[in-house]
Amino acid sequence: MAENKQSEPLRFTVTHYRKPEHTHEEFINWIVNKHLPVALPIFRRHGIQEYKLFTTPANLNEGLKAAMIERRPTWSFADFDCFIEYTLPSLECVANVMDDPEWPNAVADEPEWVDTSRALCSVGYVTPYLLKTGEVVNMAK
């Protein structure tokens, strides 16, 4: 049975790998200090409600892998550099951003930084079950 959550915002995600000639730190610096200042006004103009950048430094992933190897030996561990999460009212927002006349400028140097052939996208809904406050929600009472 398909989920029907039309009134809830969508979460659109993209994983990115950096080009190998750049360090993880240089890559994240490029996103935050070069790409986002140009991209954020475009996102806002087309109804993107939130943008979150989840960075995944190799040392943390390697540490997690070492800690989990005996507990979950069949698990694989992501090796991408970041995971971007957008909150939006509809997928039309993504198309509108990409069709914006200023978008080519926002991604002009992307080929130098991002291995776009390895990008992975997903779309869906978020349902919280445990809040920062410790409260459990969305569970049968």
N, C-alpha and C. Protein backbone atom coordinates (compact mmCIF):
# COMPACT_ATOMS: atom_id res chain seq x y z
N MET A 1 0.84 -1.18 0.00
CA MET A 1 0.00 0.00 0.00
C MET A 1 0.89 1.24 0.00
N ALA A 2 0.66 2.15 -0.92
CA ALA A 2 1.47 3.36 -1.03
C ALA A 2 1.08 4.38 0.03
N GLU A 3 2.08 5.08 0.53
CA GLU A 3 1.83 6.14 1.50
C GLU A 3 1.21 7.34 0.80
N ASN A 4 0.22 7.94 1.42
CA ASN A 4 -0.37 9.16 0.87
C ASN A 4 -0.26 10.24 1.94
N LYS A 5 0.74 11.05 1.83
CA LYS A 5 0.99 12.12 2.81
C LYS A 5 1.04 13.46 2.09
N GLN A 6 0.08 13.68 1.20
CA GLN A 6 0.10 14.86 0.34
C GLN A 6 0.22 16.18 1.09
N SER A 7 -0.29 16.26 2.32
CA SER A 7 -0.23 17.53 3.04
C SER A 7 1.12 17.75 3.71
N GLU A 8 1.96 16.73 3.79
CA GLU A 8 3.26 16.86 4.43
C GLU A 8 4.31 17.29 3.42
N PRO A 9 5.30 18.06 3.87
CA PRO A 9 6.38 18.42 2.95
C PRO A 9 7.20 17.19 2.57
N LEU A 10 7.78 17.26 1.40
CA LEU A 10 8.65 16.20 0.91
C LEU A 10 10.08 16.44 1.39
N ARG A 11 10.84 15.36 1.48
CA ARG A 11 12.29 15.46 1.70
C ARG A 11 12.93 14.92 0.43
N PHE A 12 13.74 15.75 -0.17
CA PHE A 12 14.50 15.38 -1.37
C PHE A 12 15.96 15.37 -0.94
N THR A 13 16.65 14.28 -1.21
CA THR A 13 18.04 14.18 -0.78
C THR A 13 18.95 13.88 -1.97
N VAL A 14 20.18 14.33 -1.84
CA VAL A 14 21.21 14.07 -2.84
C VAL A 14 22.52 13.79 -2.10
N THR A 15 23.18 12.70 -2.46
CA THR A 15 24.52 12.46 -1.92
C THR A 15 25.53 12.96 -2.95
N HIS A 16 26.64 13.46 -2.45
CA HIS A 16 27.69 13.95 -3.35
C HIS A 16 29.05 13.40 -2.95
N TYR A 17 29.80 13.05 -3.97
CA TYR A 17 31.21 12.70 -3.83
C TYR A 17 32.01 13.83 -4.43
N ARG A 18 33.11 14.17 -3.80
CA ARG A 18 34.00 15.20 -4.33
C ARG A 18 34.88 14.59 -5.42
N LYS A 19 35.42 15.44 -6.23
CA LYS A 19 36.44 15.01 -7.18
C LYS A 19 37.70 14.67 -6.38
N PRO A 20 38.44 13.65 -6.78
CA PRO A 20 39.56 13.16 -5.96
C PRO A 20 40.71 14.14 -5.78
N GLU A 21 40.82 15.14 -6.62
CA GLU A 21 41.92 16.10 -6.45
C GLU A 21 41.67 17.09 -5.32
N HIS A 22 40.49 17.03 -4.71
CA HIS A 22 40.17 17.92 -3.59
C HIS A 22 40.03 17.12 -2.30
N THR A 23 40.39 17.74 -1.19
CA THR A 23 40.17 17.10 0.11
C THR A 23 38.71 17.28 0.50
N HIS A 24 38.29 16.48 1.45
CA HIS A 24 36.92 16.60 1.97
C HIS A 24 36.69 18.02 2.49
N GLU A 25 37.65 18.54 3.23
CA GLU A 25 37.53 19.88 3.81
C GLU A 25 37.41 20.95 2.74
N GLU A 26 38.22 20.85 1.69
CA GLU A 26 38.14 21.81 0.58
C GLU A 26 36.77 21.73 -0.10
N PHE A 27 36.27 20.52 -0.26
CA PHE A 27 34.98 20.30 -0.91
C PHE A 27 33.84 20.94 -0.11
N ILE A 28 33.80 20.68 1.18
CA ILE A 28 32.75 21.26 2.02
C ILE A 28 32.88 22.78 2.06
N ASN A 29 34.10 23.29 2.11
CA ASN A 29 34.33 24.72 2.06
C ASN A 29 33.77 25.31 0.77
N TRP A 30 33.98 24.63 -0.35
CA TRP A 30 33.43 25.10 -1.63
C TRP A 30 31.91 25.16 -1.57
N ILE A 31 31.27 24.11 -1.05
CA ILE A 31 29.81 24.10 -0.97
C ILE A 31 29.32 25.28 -0.13
N VAL A 32 29.87 25.42 1.06
CA VAL A 32 29.37 26.41 2.02
C VAL A 32 29.70 27.84 1.61
N ASN A 33 30.91 28.07 1.14
CA ASN A 33 31.36 29.44 0.89
C ASN A 33 31.27 29.92 -0.55
N LYS A 34 31.15 29.03 -1.49
CA LYS A 34 31.06 29.44 -2.90
C LYS A 34 29.68 29.12 -3.50
N HIS A 35 29.24 27.86 -3.35
CA HIS A 35 27.99 27.43 -3.96
C HIS A 35 26.76 27.99 -3.24
N LEU A 36 26.69 27.80 -1.93
CA LEU A 36 25.47 28.19 -1.20
C LEU A 36 25.13 29.68 -1.26
N PRO A 37 26.10 30.60 -1.20
CA PRO A 37 25.72 32.01 -1.30
C PRO A 37 24.96 32.34 -2.59
N VAL A 38 25.24 31.61 -3.66
CA VAL A 38 24.54 31.83 -4.92
C VAL A 38 23.25 31.00 -4.98
N ALA A 39 23.29 29.79 -4.44
CA ALA A 39 22.15 28.87 -4.54
C ALA A 39 21.00 29.19 -3.58
N LEU A 40 21.31 29.61 -2.36
CA LEU A 40 20.24 29.81 -1.37
C LEU A 40 19.16 30.79 -1.81
N PRO A 41 19.49 31.93 -2.41
CA PRO A 41 18.40 32.81 -2.88
C PRO A 41 17.51 32.14 -3.94
N ILE A 42 18.11 31.29 -4.75
CA ILE A 42 17.32 30.57 -5.77
C ILE A 42 16.41 29.57 -5.08
N PHE A 43 16.93 28.85 -4.09
CA PHE A 43 16.10 27.90 -3.34
C PHE A 43 14.90 28.62 -2.71
N ARG A 44 15.17 29.73 -2.06
CA ARG A 44 14.09 30.48 -1.40
C ARG A 44 13.06 30.97 -2.41
N ARG A 45 13.52 31.44 -3.54
CA ARG A 45 12.62 31.96 -4.58
C ARG A 45 11.65 30.88 -5.07
N HIS A 46 12.07 29.63 -5.04
CA HIS A 46 11.24 28.55 -5.59
C HIS A 46 10.62 27.65 -4.52
N GLY A 47 10.55 28.14 -3.29
CA GLY A 47 9.78 27.46 -2.26
C GLY A 47 10.47 26.36 -1.49
N ILE A 48 11.80 26.24 -1.63
CA ILE A 48 12.52 25.27 -0.80
C ILE A 48 12.42 25.77 0.64
N GLN A 49 11.91 24.93 1.52
CA GLN A 49 11.64 25.34 2.90
C GLN A 49 12.86 25.18 3.80
N GLU A 50 13.67 24.17 3.56
CA GLU A 50 14.88 23.93 4.36
C GLU A 50 15.96 23.32 3.48
N TYR A 51 17.19 23.60 3.85
CA TYR A 51 18.36 22.98 3.22
C TYR A 51 19.28 22.59 4.36
N LYS A 52 19.63 21.31 4.41
CA LYS A 52 20.55 20.83 5.44
C LYS A 52 21.69 20.09 4.78
N LEU A 53 22.89 20.33 5.28
CA LEU A 53 24.10 19.69 4.77
C LEU A 53 24.64 18.76 5.85
N PHE A 54 24.64 17.48 5.54
CA PHE A 54 25.14 16.45 6.45
C PHE A 54 26.50 16.02 5.89
N THR A 55 27.57 16.40 6.57
CA THR A 55 28.91 16.07 6.08
C THR A 55 29.38 14.76 6.70
N THR A 56 30.14 14.01 5.93
CA THR A 56 30.56 12.66 6.34
C THR A 56 32.08 12.51 6.20
N PRO A 57 32.84 13.08 7.13
CA PRO A 57 34.30 12.95 7.05
C PRO A 57 34.74 11.49 7.13
N ALA A 58 35.75 11.14 6.36
CA ALA A 58 36.23 9.75 6.29
C ALA A 58 36.63 9.22 7.66
N ASN A 59 37.27 10.05 8.49
CA ASN A 59 37.72 9.56 9.79
C ASN A 59 36.55 9.11 10.66
N LEU A 60 35.41 9.79 10.59
CA LEU A 60 34.24 9.37 11.35
C LEU A 60 33.67 8.06 10.80
N ASN A 61 33.58 7.97 9.48
CA ASN A 61 33.04 6.75 8.88
C ASN A 61 33.95 5.55 9.13
N GLU A 62 35.25 5.76 9.06
CA GLU A 62 36.18 4.65 9.34
C GLU A 62 36.10 4.23 10.80
N GLY A 63 35.94 5.21 11.70
CA GLY A 63 35.78 4.90 13.12
C GLY A 63 34.50 4.11 13.38
N LEU A 64 33.42 4.52 12.73
CA LEU A 64 32.16 3.80 12.87
C LEU A 64 32.28 2.38 12.33
N LYS A 65 32.90 2.26 11.18
CA LYS A 65 33.08 0.94 10.57
C LYS A 65 33.87 0.02 11.50
N ALA A 66 34.94 0.52 12.09
CA ALA A 66 35.76 -0.28 13.01
C ALA A 66 34.96 -0.67 14.25
N ALA A 67 34.14 0.24 14.75
CA ALA A 67 33.35 -0.05 15.94
C ALA A 67 32.21 -1.03 15.68
N MET A 68 31.72 -1.07 14.45
CA MET A 68 30.55 -1.89 14.14
C MET A 68 30.89 -3.23 13.47
N ILE A 69 32.12 -3.44 13.07
CA ILE A 69 32.47 -4.61 12.27
C ILE A 69 32.05 -5.93 12.91
N GLU A 70 32.18 -6.06 14.21
CA GLU A 70 31.79 -7.30 14.86
C GLU A 70 30.29 -7.35 15.15
N ARG A 71 29.68 -6.19 15.33
CA ARG A 71 28.24 -6.15 15.63
C ARG A 71 27.39 -6.34 14.38
N ARG A 72 27.84 -5.78 13.29
CA ARG A 72 27.09 -5.83 12.02
C ARG A 72 28.05 -6.11 10.86
N PRO A 73 28.58 -7.31 10.79
CA PRO A 73 29.61 -7.60 9.79
C PRO A 73 29.13 -7.51 8.34
N THR A 74 27.83 -7.56 8.10
CA THR A 74 27.34 -7.50 6.73
C THR A 74 27.00 -6.09 6.27
N TRP A 75 27.08 -5.14 7.18
CA TRP A 75 26.75 -3.76 6.81
C TRP A 75 27.83 -3.15 5.93
N SER A 76 27.38 -2.31 5.00
CA SER A 76 28.29 -1.48 4.21
C SER A 76 28.25 -0.07 4.78
N PHE A 77 29.30 0.68 4.56
CA PHE A 77 29.37 2.03 5.10
C PHE A 77 29.55 3.03 3.98
N ALA A 78 28.71 4.06 4.01
CA ALA A 78 28.73 5.08 2.97
C ALA A 78 30.09 5.77 2.92
N ASP A 79 30.50 6.11 1.72
CA ASP A 79 31.78 6.80 1.57
C ASP A 79 31.65 8.13 0.83
N PHE A 80 30.42 8.62 0.69
CA PHE A 80 30.25 9.91 0.04
C PHE A 80 30.66 11.03 0.99
N ASP A 81 30.86 12.21 0.46
CA ASP A 81 31.34 13.34 1.26
C ASP A 81 30.24 14.13 1.95
N CYS A 82 29.06 14.12 1.37
CA CYS A 82 27.97 14.83 2.01
C CYS A 82 26.63 14.31 1.53
N PHE A 83 25.65 14.61 2.32
CA PHE A 83 24.27 14.25 2.07
C PHE A 83 23.50 15.54 2.22
N ILE A 84 22.82 15.97 1.17
CA ILE A 84 22.07 17.22 1.20
C ILE A 84 20.59 16.88 1.31
N GLU A 85 19.91 17.56 2.23
CA GLU A 85 18.49 17.31 2.43
C GLU A 85 17.72 18.60 2.22
N TYR A 86 16.76 18.55 1.31
CA TYR A 86 15.89 19.67 1.04
C TYR A 86 14.49 19.33 1.55
N THR A 87 13.82 20.29 2.16
CA THR A 87 12.41 20.14 2.51
C THR A 87 11.65 21.05 1.57
N LEU A 88 10.62 20.48 0.91
CA LEU A 88 9.91 21.24 -0.10
C LEU A 88 8.45 20.80 -0.18
N PRO A 89 7.58 21.69 -0.65
CA PRO A 89 6.17 21.35 -0.73
C PRO A 89 5.83 20.38 -1.85
N SER A 90 6.64 20.39 -2.92
CA SER A 90 6.38 19.48 -4.04
C SER A 90 7.67 19.31 -4.85
N LEU A 91 7.71 18.25 -5.64
CA LEU A 91 8.88 18.02 -6.49
C LEU A 91 9.02 19.07 -7.57
N GLU A 92 7.94 19.77 -7.85
CA GLU A 92 7.99 20.85 -8.83
C GLU A 92 9.06 21.89 -8.45
N CYS A 93 9.29 22.06 -7.16
CA CYS A 93 10.31 23.01 -6.69
C CYS A 93 11.69 22.68 -7.26
N VAL A 94 12.02 21.39 -7.32
CA VAL A 94 13.33 20.97 -7.83
C VAL A 94 13.46 21.36 -9.30
N ALA A 95 12.43 21.07 -10.08
CA ALA A 95 12.45 21.44 -11.50
C ALA A 95 12.54 22.95 -11.66
N ASN A 96 11.80 23.68 -10.84
CA ASN A 96 11.83 25.15 -10.93
C ASN A 96 13.20 25.71 -10.61
N VAL A 97 13.87 25.14 -9.62
CA VAL A 97 15.23 25.58 -9.29
C VAL A 97 16.15 25.33 -10.49
N MET A 98 16.09 24.13 -11.03
CA MET A 98 16.98 23.79 -12.15
C MET A 98 16.67 24.56 -13.42
N ASP A 99 15.43 25.04 -13.56
CA ASP A 99 15.05 25.84 -14.73
C ASP A 99 15.27 27.34 -14.51
N ASP A 100 15.64 27.74 -13.30
CA ASP A 100 15.85 29.15 -13.00
C ASP A 100 17.02 29.68 -13.84
N PRO A 101 16.88 30.84 -14.43
CA PRO A 101 17.96 31.38 -15.26
C PRO A 101 19.27 31.63 -14.50
N GLU A 102 19.22 31.75 -13.18
CA GLU A 102 20.44 31.94 -12.39
C GLU A 102 21.08 30.64 -11.94
N TRP A 103 20.37 29.50 -12.11
CA TRP A 103 20.91 28.22 -11.64
C TRP A 103 22.23 27.84 -12.32
N PRO A 104 22.39 28.02 -13.63
CA PRO A 104 23.68 27.69 -14.24
C PRO A 104 24.86 28.40 -13.57
N ASN A 105 24.66 29.62 -13.11
CA ASN A 105 25.72 30.33 -12.40
C ASN A 105 26.00 29.69 -11.04
N ALA A 106 24.96 29.19 -10.37
CA ALA A 106 25.12 28.57 -9.05
C ALA A 106 25.90 27.27 -9.13
N VAL A 107 25.84 26.61 -10.27
CA VAL A 107 26.53 25.32 -10.43
C VAL A 107 27.65 25.38 -11.48
N ALA A 108 28.08 26.58 -11.81
CA ALA A 108 29.07 26.76 -12.88
C ALA A 108 30.37 25.99 -12.62
N ASP A 109 30.84 25.97 -11.37
CA ASP A 109 32.09 25.28 -11.09
C ASP A 109 31.88 23.90 -10.47
N GLU A 110 30.64 23.42 -10.49
CA GLU A 110 30.35 22.08 -9.98
C GLU A 110 31.18 20.99 -10.66
N PRO A 111 31.38 21.03 -11.99
CA PRO A 111 32.18 19.97 -12.62
C PRO A 111 33.61 19.86 -12.08
N GLU A 112 34.12 20.95 -11.55
CA GLU A 112 35.47 20.94 -10.98
C GLU A 112 35.48 20.28 -9.59
N TRP A 113 34.34 20.29 -8.90
CA TRP A 113 34.29 19.85 -7.51
C TRP A 113 33.52 18.56 -7.27
N VAL A 114 32.44 18.32 -8.02
CA VAL A 114 31.52 17.22 -7.71
C VAL A 114 31.60 16.13 -8.78
N ASP A 115 31.71 14.88 -8.32
CA ASP A 115 31.62 13.73 -9.22
C ASP A 115 30.13 13.41 -9.38
N THR A 116 29.48 14.13 -10.29
CA THR A 116 28.03 14.01 -10.45
C THR A 116 27.60 12.63 -10.95
N SER A 117 28.52 11.87 -11.53
CA SER A 117 28.16 10.53 -12.00
C SER A 117 27.85 9.59 -10.84
N ARG A 118 28.24 9.97 -9.63
CA ARG A 118 28.02 9.11 -8.46
C ARG A 118 26.92 9.64 -7.54
N ALA A 119 26.26 10.72 -7.92
CA ALA A 119 25.21 11.29 -7.08
C ALA A 119 24.06 10.29 -6.94
N LEU A 120 23.46 10.30 -5.76
CA LEU A 120 22.33 9.41 -5.48
C LEU A 120 21.21 10.26 -4.92
N CYS A 121 20.04 10.21 -5.55
CA CYS A 121 18.90 11.02 -5.12
C CYS A 121 17.82 10.13 -4.53
N SER A 122 17.03 10.72 -3.63
CA SER A 122 15.86 10.04 -3.10
C SER A 122 14.82 11.09 -2.72
N VAL A 123 13.58 10.66 -2.64
CA VAL A 123 12.50 11.55 -2.23
C VAL A 123 11.54 10.75 -1.37
N GLY A 124 11.00 11.40 -0.35
CA GLY A 124 10.06 10.72 0.52
C GLY A 124 9.59 11.64 1.63
N TYR A 125 9.12 11.02 2.69
CA TYR A 125 8.57 11.74 3.83
C TYR A 125 9.36 11.39 5.09
N VAL A 126 9.38 12.30 6.04
CA VAL A 126 10.01 12.07 7.33
C VAL A 126 8.91 11.96 8.38
N THR A 127 8.99 10.92 9.17
CA THR A 127 8.08 10.74 10.30
C THR A 127 8.91 10.64 11.56
N PRO A 128 8.83 11.63 12.45
CA PRO A 128 9.60 11.55 13.70
C PRO A 128 8.93 10.57 14.67
N TYR A 129 9.77 9.91 15.45
CA TYR A 129 9.27 9.01 16.50
C TYR A 129 9.87 9.36 17.86
N LEU A 130 11.05 9.93 17.89
CA LEU A 130 11.69 10.34 19.13
C LEU A 130 12.19 11.77 18.93
N LEU A 131 11.70 12.69 19.74
CA LEU A 131 12.07 14.10 19.63
C LEU A 131 13.27 14.42 20.50
N LYS A 132 13.89 15.56 20.25
CA LYS A 132 15.04 16.01 21.05
C LYS A 132 14.70 16.08 22.53
N THR A 133 13.45 16.34 22.81
CA THR A 133 13.00 16.46 24.20
C THR A 133 12.91 15.11 24.90
N GLY A 134 13.03 14.03 24.14
CA GLY A 134 12.87 12.69 24.69
C GLY A 134 11.47 12.16 24.52
N GLU A 135 10.56 12.99 24.01
CA GLU A 135 9.17 12.58 23.82
C GLU A 135 9.05 11.60 22.65
N VAL A 136 8.28 10.55 22.86
CA VAL A 136 7.96 9.59 21.81
C VAL A 136 6.66 10.03 21.17
N VAL A 137 6.66 10.11 19.83
CA VAL A 137 5.48 10.56 19.10
C VAL A 137 5.18 9.61 17.96
N ASN A 138 4.00 9.73 17.40
CA ASN A 138 3.55 8.96 16.23
C ASN A 138 3.53 7.45 16.46
N MET A 139 3.31 7.06 17.69
CA MET A 139 3.20 5.65 18.04
C MET A 139 1.83 5.41 18.65
N ALA A 140 1.30 4.22 18.44
CA ALA A 140 0.03 3.86 19.07
C ALA A 140 0.19 3.93 20.58
N LYS A 141 -0.80 4.45 21.23
CA LYS A 141 -0.74 4.60 22.69
C LYS A 141 -1.09 3.32 23.38
